Full PDB file with SEQRES, HELIX, SHEET, SSBOND, CRYST1, ORIGX, SCALE, CONECT and MASTER records, all heavy atoms in Angstrom:
SEQRES   1 A   36  ASP ARG HIS ILE LYS ILE ILE ALA THR THR THR GLY GLU          
SEQRES   2 A   36  THR LEU ARG ASP LEU HIS LEU ASP PRO THR ARG ASN TYR          
SEQRES   3 A   36  GLN PRO GLN ASN THR THR ASN PRO THR PRO                      
SHEET    1 AA1 2 HIS A   3  ILE A   7  0                                        
SHEET    2 AA1 2 THR A  14  HIS A  19 -1                                        
CRYST1    1.000    1.000    1.000  90.00  90.00  90.00 P 1           1          
ORIGX1      1.000000  0.000000  0.000000        0.00000                         
ORIGX2      0.000000  1.000000  0.000000        0.00000                         
ORIGX3      0.000000  0.000000  1.000000        0.00000                         
SCALE1      1.000000  0.000000  0.000000        0.00000                         
SCALE2      0.000000  1.000000  0.000000        0.00000                         
SCALE3      0.000000  0.000000  1.000000        0.00000                         
ATOM      1  N   ASP A   1      12.115 -44.450 -12.017  1.00  0.00           N  
ATOM      2  CA  ASP A   1      11.901 -43.701 -13.211  1.00  0.00           C  
ATOM      3  C   ASP A   1      10.808 -42.690 -13.007  1.00  0.00           C  
ATOM      4  O   ASP A   1      11.003 -41.784 -12.191  1.00  0.00           O  
ATOM      5  CB  ASP A   1      11.665 -44.661 -14.383  1.00  0.00           C  
ATOM      6  CG  ASP A   1      11.811 -43.966 -15.738  1.00  0.00           C  
ATOM      7  OD1 ASP A   1      12.697 -43.071 -15.834  1.00  0.00           O  
ATOM      8  OD2 ASP A   1      11.098 -44.323 -16.703  1.00  0.00           O  
ATOM      9  N   ARG A   2       9.672 -42.800 -13.633  1.00  0.00           N  
ATOM     10  CA  ARG A   2       8.589 -41.845 -13.477  1.00  0.00           C  
ATOM     11  C   ARG A   2       7.477 -42.297 -12.568  1.00  0.00           C  
ATOM     12  O   ARG A   2       6.474 -41.633 -12.398  1.00  0.00           O  
ATOM     13  CB  ARG A   2       8.056 -41.426 -14.848  1.00  0.00           C  
ATOM     14  CG  ARG A   2       8.995 -40.619 -15.635  1.00  0.00           C  
ATOM     15  CD  ARG A   2       8.374 -40.094 -16.873  1.00  0.00           C  
ATOM     16  NE  ARG A   2       9.353 -39.342 -17.654  1.00  0.00           N  
ATOM     17  CZ  ARG A   2       9.548 -39.453 -18.963  1.00  0.00           C  
ATOM     18  NH1 ARG A   2       8.739 -40.271 -19.624  1.00  0.00           N  
ATOM     19  NH2 ARG A   2      10.403 -38.742 -19.577  1.00  0.00           N  
ATOM     20  N   HIS A   3       7.637 -43.477 -11.997  1.00  0.00           N  
ATOM     21  CA  HIS A   3       6.629 -44.034 -11.086  1.00  0.00           C  
ATOM     22  C   HIS A   3       7.001 -43.621  -9.699  1.00  0.00           C  
ATOM     23  O   HIS A   3       8.109 -43.859  -9.248  1.00  0.00           O  
ATOM     24  CB  HIS A   3       6.551 -45.509 -11.224  1.00  0.00           C  
ATOM     25  CG  HIS A   3       5.534 -46.130 -10.329  1.00  0.00           C  
ATOM     26  ND1 HIS A   3       5.674 -47.368  -9.757  1.00  0.00           N  
ATOM     27  CD2 HIS A   3       4.303 -45.688  -9.980  1.00  0.00           C  
ATOM     28  CE1 HIS A   3       4.601 -47.643  -9.054  1.00  0.00           C  
ATOM     29  NE2 HIS A   3       3.759 -46.653  -9.131  1.00  0.00           N  
ATOM     30  N   ILE A   4       6.056 -42.981  -8.960  1.00  0.00           N  
ATOM     31  CA  ILE A   4       6.324 -42.463  -7.612  1.00  0.00           C  
ATOM     32  C   ILE A   4       5.255 -43.028  -6.686  1.00  0.00           C  
ATOM     33  O   ILE A   4       4.083 -43.005  -6.989  1.00  0.00           O  
ATOM     34  CB  ILE A   4       6.353 -40.960  -7.572  1.00  0.00           C  
ATOM     35  CG1 ILE A   4       7.491 -40.418  -8.407  1.00  0.00           C  
ATOM     36  CG2 ILE A   4       6.459 -40.440  -6.099  1.00  0.00           C  
ATOM     37  CD1 ILE A   4       7.489 -38.948  -8.578  1.00  0.00           C  
ATOM     38  N   LYS A   5       5.642 -43.506  -5.520  1.00  0.00           N  
ATOM     39  CA  LYS A   5       4.674 -43.964  -4.498  1.00  0.00           C  
ATOM     40  C   LYS A   5       5.078 -43.329  -3.192  1.00  0.00           C  
ATOM     41  O   LYS A   5       6.240 -43.369  -2.819  1.00  0.00           O  
ATOM     42  CB  LYS A   5       4.743 -45.515  -4.403  1.00  0.00           C  
ATOM     43  CG  LYS A   5       3.742 -46.037  -3.374  1.00  0.00           C  
ATOM     44  CD  LYS A   5       3.809 -47.549  -3.341  1.00  0.00           C  
ATOM     45  CE  LYS A   5       2.859 -48.079  -4.391  1.00  0.00           C  
ATOM     46  NZ  LYS A   5       2.546 -49.499  -4.192  1.00  0.00           N  
ATOM     47  N   ILE A   6       4.150 -42.705  -2.483  1.00  0.00           N  
ATOM     48  CA  ILE A   6       4.366 -42.069  -1.204  1.00  0.00           C  
ATOM     49  C   ILE A   6       3.638 -42.867  -0.140  1.00  0.00           C  
ATOM     50  O   ILE A   6       2.437 -43.129  -0.310  1.00  0.00           O  
ATOM     51  CB  ILE A   6       3.909 -40.620  -1.212  1.00  0.00           C  
ATOM     52  CG1 ILE A   6       4.687 -39.814  -2.259  1.00  0.00           C  
ATOM     53  CG2 ILE A   6       4.108 -39.966   0.176  1.00  0.00           C  
ATOM     54  CD1 ILE A   6       4.226 -38.450  -2.530  1.00  0.00           C  
ATOM     55  N   ILE A   7       4.357 -43.272   0.890  1.00  0.00           N  
ATOM     56  CA  ILE A   7       3.855 -44.183   1.913  1.00  0.00           C  
ATOM     57  C   ILE A   7       3.989 -43.547   3.288  1.00  0.00           C  
ATOM     58  O   ILE A   7       5.032 -42.934   3.589  1.00  0.00           O  
ATOM     59  CB  ILE A   7       4.586 -45.518   1.897  1.00  0.00           C  
ATOM     60  CG1 ILE A   7       4.419 -46.184   0.500  1.00  0.00           C  
ATOM     61  CG2 ILE A   7       4.116 -46.456   2.943  1.00  0.00           C  
ATOM     62  CD1 ILE A   7       5.318 -47.379   0.309  1.00  0.00           C  
ATOM     63  N   ALA A   8       2.972 -43.661   4.146  1.00  0.00           N  
ATOM     64  CA  ALA A   8       3.016 -43.184   5.521  1.00  0.00           C  
ATOM     65  C   ALA A   8       3.911 -44.151   6.256  1.00  0.00           C  
ATOM     66  O   ALA A   8       3.672 -45.363   6.238  1.00  0.00           O  
ATOM     67  CB  ALA A   8       1.643 -43.131   6.118  1.00  0.00           C  
ATOM     68  N   THR A   9       4.856 -43.643   7.027  1.00  0.00           N  
ATOM     69  CA  THR A   9       5.802 -44.515   7.745  1.00  0.00           C  
ATOM     70  C   THR A   9       5.180 -45.162   8.940  1.00  0.00           C  
ATOM     71  O   THR A   9       5.555 -46.257   9.328  1.00  0.00           O  
ATOM     72  CB  THR A   9       7.051 -43.731   8.232  1.00  0.00           C  
ATOM     73  OG1 THR A   9       6.675 -42.581   8.917  1.00  0.00           O  
ATOM     74  CG2 THR A   9       7.903 -43.347   7.037  1.00  0.00           C  
ATOM     75  N   THR A  10       4.199 -44.535   9.614  1.00  0.00           N  
ATOM     76  CA  THR A  10       3.615 -45.076  10.841  1.00  0.00           C  
ATOM     77  C   THR A  10       2.583 -46.160  10.535  1.00  0.00           C  
ATOM     78  O   THR A  10       2.473 -47.116  11.264  1.00  0.00           O  
ATOM     79  CB  THR A  10       2.916 -43.981  11.631  1.00  0.00           C  
ATOM     80  OG1 THR A  10       1.951 -43.295  10.814  1.00  0.00           O  
ATOM     81  CG2 THR A  10       3.963 -42.986  12.184  1.00  0.00           C  
ATOM     82  N   THR A  11       1.855 -46.032   9.407  1.00  0.00           N  
ATOM     83  CA  THR A  11       0.792 -47.035   9.171  1.00  0.00           C  
ATOM     84  C   THR A  11       1.048 -47.908   7.946  1.00  0.00           C  
ATOM     85  O   THR A  11       0.410 -48.904   7.749  1.00  0.00           O  
ATOM     86  CB  THR A  11      -0.547 -46.290   8.855  1.00  0.00           C  
ATOM     87  OG1 THR A  11      -0.371 -45.433   7.714  1.00  0.00           O  
ATOM     88  CG2 THR A  11      -0.955 -45.444  10.099  1.00  0.00           C  
ATOM     89  N   GLY A  12       1.977 -47.519   7.063  1.00  0.00           N  
ATOM     90  CA  GLY A  12       2.262 -48.221   5.841  1.00  0.00           C  
ATOM     91  C   GLY A  12       1.215 -47.970   4.770  1.00  0.00           C  
ATOM     92  O   GLY A  12       1.236 -48.632   3.698  1.00  0.00           O  
ATOM     93  N   GLU A  13       0.278 -47.006   4.989  1.00  0.00           N  
ATOM     94  CA  GLU A  13      -0.736 -46.689   4.016  1.00  0.00           C  
ATOM     95  C   GLU A  13      -0.114 -45.982   2.835  1.00  0.00           C  
ATOM     96  O   GLU A  13       0.723 -45.078   2.955  1.00  0.00           O  
ATOM     97  CB  GLU A  13      -1.750 -45.810   4.704  1.00  0.00           C  
ATOM     98  CG  GLU A  13      -2.828 -45.280   3.774  1.00  0.00           C  
ATOM     99  CD  GLU A  13      -3.728 -44.275   4.463  1.00  0.00           C  
ATOM    100  OE1 GLU A  13      -3.429 -43.883   5.575  1.00  0.00           O  
ATOM    101  OE2 GLU A  13      -4.690 -43.891   3.835  1.00  0.00           O  
ATOM    102  N   THR A  14      -0.583 -46.340   1.617  1.00  0.00           N  
ATOM    103  CA  THR A  14      -0.166 -45.600   0.405  1.00  0.00           C  
ATOM    104  C   THR A  14      -0.920 -44.296   0.356  1.00  0.00           C  
ATOM    105  O   THR A  14      -2.161 -44.259   0.264  1.00  0.00           O  
ATOM    106  CB  THR A  14      -0.443 -46.484  -0.846  1.00  0.00           C  
ATOM    107  OG1 THR A  14       0.270 -47.680  -0.727  1.00  0.00           O  
ATOM    108  CG2 THR A  14      -0.039 -45.710  -2.100  1.00  0.00           C  
ATOM    109  N   LEU A  15      -0.206 -43.184   0.385  1.00  0.00           N  
ATOM    110  CA  LEU A  15      -0.875 -41.881   0.312  1.00  0.00           C  
ATOM    111  C   LEU A  15      -1.028 -41.377  -1.125  1.00  0.00           C  
ATOM    112  O   LEU A  15      -2.004 -40.725  -1.433  1.00  0.00           O  
ATOM    113  CB  LEU A  15       0.004 -40.876   1.084  1.00  0.00           C  
ATOM    114  CG  LEU A  15       0.192 -41.186   2.587  1.00  0.00           C  
ATOM    115  CD1 LEU A  15       1.139 -40.178   3.217  1.00  0.00           C  
ATOM    116  CD2 LEU A  15      -1.111 -41.259   3.323  1.00  0.00           C  
ATOM    117  N   ARG A  16      -0.078 -41.721  -1.989  1.00  0.00           N  
ATOM    118  CA  ARG A  16      -0.154 -41.299  -3.350  1.00  0.00           C  
ATOM    119  C   ARG A  16       0.602 -42.298  -4.245  1.00  0.00           C  
ATOM    120  O   ARG A  16       1.682 -42.701  -3.876  1.00  0.00           O  
ATOM    121  CB  ARG A  16       0.435 -39.866  -3.521  1.00  0.00           C  
ATOM    122  CG  ARG A  16       0.308 -39.288  -4.888  1.00  0.00           C  
ATOM    123  CD  ARG A  16      -0.829 -38.289  -4.910  1.00  0.00           C  
ATOM    124  NE  ARG A  16      -1.063 -37.847  -6.301  1.00  0.00           N  
ATOM    125  CZ  ARG A  16      -0.814 -36.650  -6.759  1.00  0.00           C  
ATOM    126  NH1 ARG A  16      -0.323 -35.751  -5.976  1.00  0.00           N  
ATOM    127  NH2 ARG A  16      -1.072 -36.378  -8.033  1.00  0.00           N  
ATOM    128  N   ASP A  17       0.043 -42.651  -5.361  1.00  0.00           N  
ATOM    129  CA  ASP A  17       0.704 -43.570  -6.304  1.00  0.00           C  
ATOM    130  C   ASP A  17       0.476 -43.009  -7.692  1.00  0.00           C  
ATOM    131  O   ASP A  17      -0.653 -42.903  -8.136  1.00  0.00           O  
ATOM    132  CB  ASP A  17       0.118 -44.970  -6.145  1.00  0.00           C  
ATOM    133  CG  ASP A  17       0.838 -45.991  -6.917  1.00  0.00           C  
ATOM    134  OD1 ASP A  17       1.924 -45.702  -7.460  1.00  0.00           O  
ATOM    135  OD2 ASP A  17       0.352 -47.132  -6.994  1.00  0.00           O  
ATOM    136  N   LEU A  18       1.517 -42.527  -8.365  1.00  0.00           N  
ATOM    137  CA  LEU A  18       1.314 -41.873  -9.629  1.00  0.00           C  
ATOM    138  C   LEU A  18       2.464 -42.131 -10.601  1.00  0.00           C  
ATOM    139  O   LEU A  18       3.590 -42.514 -10.156  1.00  0.00           O  
ATOM    140  CB  LEU A  18       1.167 -40.405  -9.433  1.00  0.00           C  
ATOM    141  CG  LEU A  18       2.351 -39.633  -8.836  1.00  0.00           C  
ATOM    142  CD1 LEU A  18       2.953 -38.732  -9.868  1.00  0.00           C  
ATOM    143  CD2 LEU A  18       1.927 -38.846  -7.657  1.00  0.00           C  
ATOM    144  N   HIS A  19       2.191 -41.918 -11.864  1.00  0.00           N  
ATOM    145  CA  HIS A  19       3.185 -41.914 -12.876  1.00  0.00           C  
ATOM    146  C   HIS A  19       3.276 -40.489 -13.434  1.00  0.00           C  
ATOM    147  O   HIS A  19       2.322 -39.920 -13.863  1.00  0.00           O  
ATOM    148  CB  HIS A  19       2.786 -42.854 -14.065  1.00  0.00           C  
ATOM    149  CG  HIS A  19       2.781 -44.300 -13.682  1.00  0.00           C  
ATOM    150  ND1 HIS A  19       3.885 -45.077 -13.770  1.00  0.00           N  
ATOM    151  CD2 HIS A  19       1.799 -45.057 -13.143  1.00  0.00           C  
ATOM    152  CE1 HIS A  19       3.620 -46.278 -13.382  1.00  0.00           C  
ATOM    153  NE2 HIS A  19       2.317 -46.337 -12.944  1.00  0.00           N  
ATOM    154  N   LEU A  20       4.499 -39.909 -13.299  1.00  0.00           N  
ATOM    155  CA  LEU A  20       4.677 -38.527 -13.758  1.00  0.00           C  
ATOM    156  C   LEU A  20       4.509 -38.393 -15.268  1.00  0.00           C  
ATOM    157  O   LEU A  20       5.006 -39.234 -16.014  1.00  0.00           O  
ATOM    158  CB  LEU A  20       6.024 -38.039 -13.380  1.00  0.00           C  
ATOM    159  CG  LEU A  20       6.212 -37.724 -11.893  1.00  0.00           C  
ATOM    160  CD1 LEU A  20       7.662 -37.224 -11.674  1.00  0.00           C  
ATOM    161  CD2 LEU A  20       5.246 -36.712 -11.412  1.00  0.00           C  
ATOM    162  N   ASP A  21       3.825 -37.408 -15.684  1.00  0.00           N  
ATOM    163  CA  ASP A  21       3.643 -37.119 -17.105  1.00  0.00           C  
ATOM    164  C   ASP A  21       4.465 -35.827 -17.427  1.00  0.00           C  
ATOM    165  O   ASP A  21       4.064 -34.758 -17.018  1.00  0.00           O  
ATOM    166  CB  ASP A  21       2.180 -36.899 -17.415  1.00  0.00           C  
ATOM    167  CG  ASP A  21       1.890 -36.669 -18.913  1.00  0.00           C  
ATOM    168  OD1 ASP A  21       2.857 -36.544 -19.657  1.00  0.00           O  
ATOM    169  OD2 ASP A  21       0.723 -36.596 -19.237  1.00  0.00           O  
ATOM    170  N   PRO A  22       5.604 -35.932 -18.124  1.00  0.00           N  
ATOM    171  CA  PRO A  22       6.429 -34.767 -18.373  1.00  0.00           C  
ATOM    172  C   PRO A  22       5.815 -33.717 -19.259  1.00  0.00           C  
ATOM    173  O   PRO A  22       6.317 -32.641 -19.375  1.00  0.00           O  
ATOM    174  CB  PRO A  22       7.703 -35.360 -18.948  1.00  0.00           C  
ATOM    175  CG  PRO A  22       7.298 -36.661 -19.511  1.00  0.00           C  
ATOM    176  CD  PRO A  22       6.172 -37.154 -18.668  1.00  0.00           C  
ATOM    177  N   THR A  23       4.675 -34.100 -19.913  1.00  0.00           N  
ATOM    178  CA  THR A  23       4.008 -33.119 -20.796  1.00  0.00           C  
ATOM    179  C   THR A  23       3.101 -32.193 -20.056  1.00  0.00           C  
ATOM    180  O   THR A  23       2.544 -31.268 -20.631  1.00  0.00           O  
ATOM    181  CB  THR A  23       3.262 -33.805 -21.912  1.00  0.00           C  
ATOM    182  OG1 THR A  23       2.202 -34.579 -21.323  1.00  0.00           O  
ATOM    183  CG2 THR A  23       4.180 -34.691 -22.709  1.00  0.00           C  
ATOM    184  N   ARG A  24       2.888 -32.364 -18.725  1.00  0.00           N  
ATOM    185  CA  ARG A  24       2.018 -31.556 -17.912  1.00  0.00           C  
ATOM    186  C   ARG A  24       2.766 -30.737 -16.937  1.00  0.00           C  
ATOM    187  O   ARG A  24       3.817 -31.159 -16.424  1.00  0.00           O  
ATOM    188  CB  ARG A  24       1.021 -32.463 -17.132  1.00  0.00           C  
ATOM    189  CG  ARG A  24       0.118 -33.176 -17.968  1.00  0.00           C  
ATOM    190  CD  ARG A  24      -0.809 -34.061 -17.064  1.00  0.00           C  
ATOM    191  NE  ARG A  24      -1.819 -34.650 -17.869  1.00  0.00           N  
ATOM    192  CZ  ARG A  24      -3.124 -34.589 -17.570  1.00  0.00           C  
ATOM    193  NH1 ARG A  24      -3.529 -34.023 -16.466  1.00  0.00           N  
ATOM    194  NH2 ARG A  24      -3.992 -35.184 -18.333  1.00  0.00           N  
ATOM    195  N   ASN A  25       2.272 -29.580 -16.581  1.00  0.00           N  
ATOM    196  CA  ASN A  25       2.841 -28.728 -15.567  1.00  0.00           C  
ATOM    197  C   ASN A  25       2.406 -29.090 -14.160  1.00  0.00           C  
ATOM    198  O   ASN A  25       2.939 -28.674 -13.194  1.00  0.00           O  
ATOM    199  CB  ASN A  25       2.490 -27.237 -15.801  1.00  0.00           C  
ATOM    200  CG  ASN A  25       3.206 -26.721 -17.022  1.00  0.00           C  
ATOM    201  OD1 ASN A  25       4.274 -27.164 -17.369  1.00  0.00           O  
ATOM    202  ND2 ASN A  25       2.613 -25.745 -17.660  1.00  0.00           N  
ATOM    203  N   TYR A  26       1.360 -29.903 -14.104  1.00  0.00           N  
ATOM    204  CA  TYR A  26       0.850 -30.417 -12.801  1.00  0.00           C  
ATOM    205  C   TYR A  26       0.452 -31.901 -12.964  1.00  0.00           C  
ATOM    206  O   TYR A  26       0.267 -32.344 -14.071  1.00  0.00           O  
ATOM    207  CB  TYR A  26      -0.380 -29.572 -12.388  1.00  0.00           C  
ATOM    208  CG  TYR A  26      -1.575 -29.787 -13.269  1.00  0.00           C  
ATOM    209  CD1 TYR A  26      -2.506 -30.745 -12.916  1.00  0.00           C  
ATOM    210  CD2 TYR A  26      -1.714 -29.071 -14.389  1.00  0.00           C  
ATOM    211  CE1 TYR A  26      -3.614 -30.977 -13.723  1.00  0.00           C  
ATOM    212  CE2 TYR A  26      -2.804 -29.315 -15.245  1.00  0.00           C  
ATOM    213  CZ  TYR A  26      -3.777 -30.241 -14.913  1.00  0.00           C  
ATOM    214  OH  TYR A  26      -4.832 -30.480 -15.703  1.00  0.00           O  
ATOM    215  N   GLN A  27       0.353 -32.585 -11.885  1.00  0.00           N  
ATOM    216  CA  GLN A  27      -0.064 -33.961 -11.881  1.00  0.00           C  
ATOM    217  C   GLN A  27      -1.409 -34.083 -11.250  1.00  0.00           C  
ATOM    218  O   GLN A  27      -1.613 -33.720 -10.065  1.00  0.00           O  
ATOM    219  CB  GLN A  27       0.978 -34.838 -11.171  1.00  0.00           C  
ATOM    220  CG  GLN A  27       2.376 -34.719 -11.680  1.00  0.00           C  
ATOM    221  CD  GLN A  27       2.507 -35.128 -13.188  1.00  0.00           C  
ATOM    222  OE1 GLN A  27       1.953 -36.117 -13.626  1.00  0.00           O  
ATOM    223  NE2 GLN A  27       3.179 -34.259 -13.921  1.00  0.00           N  
ATOM    224  N   PRO A  28      -2.436 -34.521 -11.979  1.00  0.00           N  
ATOM    225  CA  PRO A  28      -3.811 -34.625 -11.398  1.00  0.00           C  
ATOM    226  C   PRO A  28      -3.862 -35.623 -10.318  1.00  0.00           C  
ATOM    227  O   PRO A  28      -3.117 -36.616 -10.265  1.00  0.00           O  
ATOM    228  CB  PRO A  28      -4.640 -35.050 -12.618  1.00  0.00           C  
ATOM    229  CG  PRO A  28      -3.713 -35.687 -13.539  1.00  0.00           C  
ATOM    230  CD  PRO A  28      -2.383 -35.053 -13.324  1.00  0.00           C  
ATOM    231  N   GLN A  29      -4.804 -35.409  -9.380  1.00  0.00           N  
ATOM    232  CA  GLN A  29      -5.072 -36.335  -8.288  1.00  0.00           C  
ATOM    233  C   GLN A  29      -5.796 -37.544  -8.865  1.00  0.00           C  
ATOM    234  O   GLN A  29      -6.653 -37.464  -9.715  1.00  0.00           O  
ATOM    235  CB  GLN A  29      -5.975 -35.691  -7.227  1.00  0.00           C  
ATOM    236  CG  GLN A  29      -5.337 -34.639  -6.459  1.00  0.00           C  
ATOM    237  CD  GLN A  29      -4.470 -35.173  -5.281  1.00  0.00           C  
ATOM    238  OE1 GLN A  29      -4.333 -36.382  -5.131  1.00  0.00           O  
ATOM    239  NE2 GLN A  29      -3.915 -34.291  -4.533  1.00  0.00           N  
ATOM    240  N   ASN A  30      -5.447 -38.707  -8.290  1.00  0.00           N  
ATOM    241  CA  ASN A  30      -6.174 -39.928  -8.684  1.00  0.00           C  
ATOM    242  C   ASN A  30      -7.548 -39.886  -7.977  1.00  0.00           C  
ATOM    243  O   ASN A  30      -7.679 -39.558  -6.850  1.00  0.00           O  
ATOM    244  CB  ASN A  30      -5.463 -41.223  -8.245  1.00  0.00           C  
ATOM    245  CG  ASN A  30      -4.162 -41.367  -8.971  1.00  0.00           C  
ATOM    246  OD1 ASN A  30      -3.946 -40.781 -10.055  1.00  0.00           O  
ATOM    247  ND2 ASN A  30      -3.306 -42.208  -8.477  1.00  0.00           N  
ATOM    248  N   THR A  31      -8.582 -40.227  -8.703  1.00  0.00           N  
ATOM    249  CA  THR A  31      -9.954 -40.192  -8.118  1.00  0.00           C  
ATOM    250  C   THR A  31     -10.316 -41.547  -7.464  1.00  0.00           C  
ATOM    251  O   THR A  31     -11.215 -41.630  -6.709  1.00  0.00           O  
ATOM    252  CB  THR A  31     -11.019 -39.775  -9.128  1.00  0.00           C  
ATOM    253  OG1 THR A  31     -10.948 -40.711 -10.241  1.00  0.00           O  
ATOM    254  CG2 THR A  31     -10.791 -38.399  -9.622  1.00  0.00           C  
ATOM    255  N   THR A  32      -9.543 -42.618  -7.779  1.00  0.00           N  
ATOM    256  CA  THR A  32      -9.763 -43.900  -7.181  1.00  0.00           C  
ATOM    257  C   THR A  32      -8.618 -44.272  -6.316  1.00  0.00           C  
ATOM    258  O   THR A  32      -7.472 -43.803  -6.496  1.00  0.00           O  
ATOM    259  CB  THR A  32      -9.928 -44.961  -8.272  1.00  0.00           C  
ATOM    260  OG1 THR A  32      -8.743 -45.012  -9.040  1.00  0.00           O  
ATOM    261  CG2 THR A  32     -11.093 -44.683  -9.187  1.00  0.00           C  
ATOM    262  N   ASN A  33      -8.866 -45.073  -5.266  1.00  0.00           N  
ATOM    263  CA  ASN A  33      -7.846 -45.543  -4.401  1.00  0.00           C  
ATOM    264  C   ASN A  33      -7.005 -46.611  -5.101  1.00  0.00           C  
ATOM    265  O   ASN A  33      -7.573 -47.485  -5.761  1.00  0.00           O  
ATOM    266  CB  ASN A  33      -8.406 -46.111  -3.132  1.00  0.00           C  
ATOM    267  CG  ASN A  33      -9.043 -45.044  -2.274  1.00  0.00           C  
ATOM    268  OD1 ASN A  33      -8.711 -43.877  -2.349  1.00  0.00           O  
ATOM    269  ND2 ASN A  33     -10.053 -45.435  -1.498  1.00  0.00           N  
ATOM    270  N   PRO A  34      -5.653 -46.570  -4.938  1.00  0.00           N  
ATOM    271  CA  PRO A  34      -4.849 -47.616  -5.546  1.00  0.00           C  
ATOM    272  C   PRO A  34      -5.082 -48.927  -4.827  1.00  0.00           C  
ATOM    273  O   PRO A  34      -5.358 -48.945  -3.642  1.00  0.00           O  
ATOM    274  CB  PRO A  34      -3.436 -47.082  -5.345  1.00  0.00           C  
ATOM    275  CG  PRO A  34      -3.528 -46.127  -4.277  1.00  0.00           C  
ATOM    276  CD  PRO A  34      -4.918 -45.542  -4.283  1.00  0.00           C  
ATOM    277  N   THR A  35      -4.991 -49.998  -5.567  1.00  0.00           N  
ATOM    278  CA  THR A  35      -5.115 -51.335  -5.009  1.00  0.00           C  
ATOM    279  C   THR A  35      -3.761 -51.770  -4.376  1.00  0.00           C  
ATOM    280  O   THR A  35      -2.755 -51.436  -4.911  1.00  0.00           O  
ATOM    281  CB  THR A  35      -5.609 -52.353  -6.030  1.00  0.00           C  
ATOM    282  OG1 THR A  35      -4.620 -52.352  -7.095  1.00  0.00           O  
ATOM    283  CG2 THR A  35      -6.961 -52.071  -6.527  1.00  0.00           C  
ATOM    284  N   PRO A  36      -3.883 -52.413  -3.238  1.00  0.00           N  
ATOM    285  CA  PRO A  36      -2.616 -52.853  -2.579  1.00  0.00           C  
ATOM    286  C   PRO A  36      -1.868 -53.972  -3.335  1.00  0.00           C  
ATOM    287  O   PRO A  36      -2.321 -54.635  -4.150  1.00  0.00           O  
ATOM    288  CB  PRO A  36      -3.051 -53.352  -1.205  1.00  0.00           C  
ATOM    289  CG  PRO A  36      -4.536 -53.421  -1.220  1.00  0.00           C  
ATOM    290  CD  PRO A  36      -5.000 -52.741  -2.472  1.00  0.00           C  
TER     291      PRO A  36                                                      
MASTER        0    0    0    0    2    0    0    6  290    1    0    3          
END                                                                             
């Protein structure tokens, strides 16, 4: 749905984890690291 997770294929590291907000023209960067 609106939840997106981007993962590095070589390391399995989560590069970006976000929930899209359709009311915004851009999606802000998370300032904290997501927990595994």
